Amino acid sequence: MERCPKCKSTKFCKVKVNNDLNKDCGFRFTVEHIGKPEKLKCDALILYLEGLGFRSIARFLKVSHVTAFNWIKAYGKKLDEIRSSDAIELK
């Protein structure tokens, strides 16, 4: 269970997606990101590169097809950033 970093209390409420407010001391803090493991996202990319569609990937990994699409799209953006930085270094 999560605890307040200031007073170690477990009584807190959600303020935003990744922010909590402690009910005892009023301290606001950011909670650890809760999401899918990076390996699962990498598996989605590998399956996509093997030729599977987004819906097939989603069924196999037990996530939504939109989630699979967003993960693969994010890897594509990272790849574009790497390519652009490599092109700048070559000049």
C-alpha atoms as a PDB file:
ATOM      1  CA  MET A   1       0.000   0.000   0.000  1.00  0.00           C
ATOM      2  CA  GLU A   2       1.191   3.488  -0.764  1.00  0.00           C
ATOM      3  CA  ARG A   3       2.128   5.871   2.029  1.00  0.00           C
ATOM      4  CA  CYS A   4       2.556   9.622   2.266  1.00  0.00           C
ATOM      5  CA  PRO A   5       6.265  10.515   1.882  1.00  0.00           C
ATOM      6  CA  LYS A   6       5.938  13.196   4.576  1.00  0.00           C
ATOM      7  CA  CYS A   7       3.997  11.578   7.443  1.00  0.00           C
ATOM      8  CA  LYS A   8       3.720   7.930   6.245  1.00  0.00           C
ATOM      9  CA  SER A   9      -0.070   7.983   6.556  1.00  0.00           C
ATOM     10  CA  THR A  10      -2.175   5.776   4.294  1.00  0.00           C
ATOM     11  CA  LYS A  11      -5.171   8.151   4.285  1.00  0.00           C
ATOM     12  CA  PHE A  12      -5.159  10.057   1.019  1.00  0.00           C
ATOM     13  CA  CYS A  13      -7.426  10.852  -1.901  1.00  0.00           C
ATOM     14  CA  LYS A  14      -6.883  11.275  -5.626  1.00  0.00           C
ATOM     15  CA  VAL A  15      -6.517  14.842  -6.870  1.00  0.00           C
ATOM     16  CA  LYS A  16      -5.520  14.021 -10.444  1.00  0.00           C
ATOM     17  CA  VAL A  17      -4.460  10.890 -12.289  1.00  0.00           C
ATOM     18  CA  ASN A  18      -0.944  10.715 -10.782  1.00  0.00           C
ATOM     19  CA  ASN A  19      -1.364  13.053  -7.804  1.00  0.00           C
ATOM     20  CA  ASP A  20      -2.642  12.277  -4.321  1.00  0.00           C
ATOM     21  CA  LEU A  21      -3.557  14.494  -1.377  1.00  0.00           C
ATOM     22  CA  ASN A  22      -2.903  13.274   2.144  1.00  0.00           C
ATOM     23  CA  LYS A  23      -5.975  13.731   4.343  1.00  0.00           C
ATOM     24  CA  ASP A  24      -3.951  13.936   7.571  1.00  0.00           C
ATOM     25  CA  CYS A  25      -1.217  16.462   6.744  1.00  0.00           C
ATOM     26  CA  GLY A  26      -2.500  18.003   3.479  1.00  0.00           C
ATOM     27  CA  PHE A  27       0.693  17.073   1.609  1.00  0.00           C
ATOM     28  CA  ARG A  28       0.334  16.591  -2.168  1.00  0.00           C
ATOM     29  CA  PHE A  29       2.550  14.023  -3.816  1.00  0.00           C
ATOM     30  CA  THR A  30       2.989  12.217  -7.100  1.00  0.00           C
ATOM     31  CA  VAL A  31       2.345   8.507  -7.093  1.00  0.00           C
ATOM     32  CA  GLU A  32       4.349   5.987  -9.048  1.00  0.00           C
ATOM     33  CA  HIS A  33       3.173   5.555 -12.633  1.00  0.00           C
ATOM     34  CA  ILE A  34       0.873   2.579 -12.907  1.00  0.00           C
ATOM     35  CA  GLY A  35       0.821   1.131 -16.374  1.00  0.00           C
ATOM     36  CA  LYS A  36       1.659  -1.868 -18.467  1.00  0.00           C
ATOM     37  CA  PRO A  37       5.214  -3.236 -18.412  1.00  0.00           C
ATOM     38  CA  GLU A  38       7.598  -2.060 -21.103  1.00  0.00           C
ATOM     39  CA  LYS A  39       8.096  -5.676 -22.238  1.00  0.00           C
ATOM     40  CA  LEU A  40       4.408  -5.926 -23.135  1.00  0.00           C
ATOM     41  CA  LYS A  41       4.722  -2.784 -25.257  1.00  0.00           C
ATOM     42  CA  CYS A  42       7.830  -4.173 -26.918  1.00  0.00           C
ATOM     43  CA  ASP A  43       5.985  -7.434 -27.627  1.00  0.00           C
ATOM     44  CA  ALA A  44       3.259  -5.418 -29.353  1.00  0.00           C
ATOM     45  CA  LEU A  45       5.867  -3.827 -31.621  1.00  0.00           C
ATOM     46  CA  ILE A  46       7.456  -7.182 -32.417  1.00  0.00           C
ATOM     47  CA  LEU A  47       4.075  -8.679 -33.322  1.00  0.00           C
ATOM     48  CA  TYR A  48       3.333  -5.664 -35.522  1.00  0.00           C
ATOM     49  CA  LEU A  49       6.653  -6.057 -37.319  1.00  0.00           C
ATOM     50  CA  GLU A  50       5.829  -9.738 -37.837  1.00  0.00           C
ATOM     51  CA  GLY A  51       2.718  -8.655 -39.739  1.00  0.00           C
ATOM     52  CA  LEU A  52      -0.123  -8.959 -37.229  1.00  0.00           C
ATOM     53  CA  GLY A  53      -2.876  -6.347 -37.206  1.00  0.00           C
ATOM     54  CA  PHE A  54      -3.713  -4.143 -34.249  1.00  0.00           C
ATOM     55  CA  ARG A  55      -6.810  -6.136 -33.300  1.00  0.00           C
ATOM     56  CA  SER A  56      -4.904  -9.443 -33.405  1.00  0.00           C
ATOM     57  CA  ILE A  57      -2.139  -7.962 -31.268  1.00  0.00           C
ATOM     58  CA  ALA A  58      -4.712  -6.636 -28.821  1.00  0.00           C
ATOM     59  CA  ARG A  59      -6.441 -10.013 -28.493  1.00  0.00           C
ATOM     60  CA  PHE A  60      -3.117 -11.776 -27.979  1.00  0.00           C
ATOM     61  CA  LEU A  61      -1.852  -9.294 -25.341  1.00  0.00           C
ATOM     62  CA  LYS A  62      -5.300  -8.788 -23.736  1.00  0.00           C
ATOM     63  CA  VAL A  63      -5.405  -5.006 -24.250  1.00  0.00           C
ATOM     64  CA  SER A  64      -7.582  -2.815 -26.448  1.00  0.00           C
ATOM     65  CA  HIS A  65      -6.690  -2.335 -30.112  1.00  0.00           C
ATOM     66  CA  VAL A  66      -6.423   1.408 -29.477  1.00  0.00           C
ATOM     67  CA  THR A  67      -3.834   0.777 -26.762  1.00  0.00           C
ATOM     68  CA  ALA A  68      -1.806  -1.463 -29.076  1.00  0.00           C
ATOM     69  CA  PHE A  69      -1.989   1.174 -31.809  1.00  0.00           C
ATOM     70  CA  ASN A  70      -0.851   3.941 -29.422  1.00  0.00           C
ATOM     71  CA  TRP A  71       2.111   1.891 -28.177  1.00  0.00           C
ATOM     72  CA  ILE A  72       3.290   1.163 -31.709  1.00  0.00           C
ATOM     73  CA  LYS A  73       2.755   4.780 -32.755  1.00  0.00           C
ATOM     74  CA  ALA A  74       4.852   5.923 -29.768  1.00  0.00           C
ATOM     75  CA  TYR A  75       7.708   3.646 -30.853  1.00  0.00           C
ATOM     76  CA  GLY A  76       7.443   5.163 -34.340  1.00  0.00           C
ATOM     77  CA  LYS A  77       7.825   8.675 -32.921  1.00  0.00           C
ATOM     78  CA  LYS A  78      10.889   7.571 -30.943  1.00  0.00           C
ATOM     79  CA  LEU A  79      12.341   6.102 -34.129  1.00  0.00           C
ATOM     80  CA  ASP A  80      11.756   9.379 -36.001  1.00  0.00           C
ATOM     81  CA  GLU A  81      13.545  11.283 -33.210  1.00  0.00           C
ATOM     82  CA  ILE A  82      16.511   8.909 -33.398  1.00  0.00           C
ATOM     83  CA  ARG A  83      16.671   9.196 -37.179  1.00  0.00           C
ATOM     84  CA  SER A  84      16.550  13.005 -37.062  1.00  0.00           C
ATOM     85  CA  SER A  85      19.267  13.196 -34.408  1.00  0.00           C
ATOM     86  CA  ASP A  86      21.466  10.804 -36.428  1.00  0.00           C
ATOM     87  CA  ALA A  87      20.971  12.948 -39.555  1.00  0.00           C
ATOM     88  CA  ILE A  88      22.072  16.042 -37.644  1.00  0.00           C
ATOM     89  CA  GLU A  89      25.225  14.271 -36.406  1.00  0.00           C
ATOM     90  CA  LEU A  90      26.130  13.151 -39.941  1.00  0.00           C
ATOM     91  CA  LYS A  91      26.087  16.717 -41.291  1.00  0.00           C
END
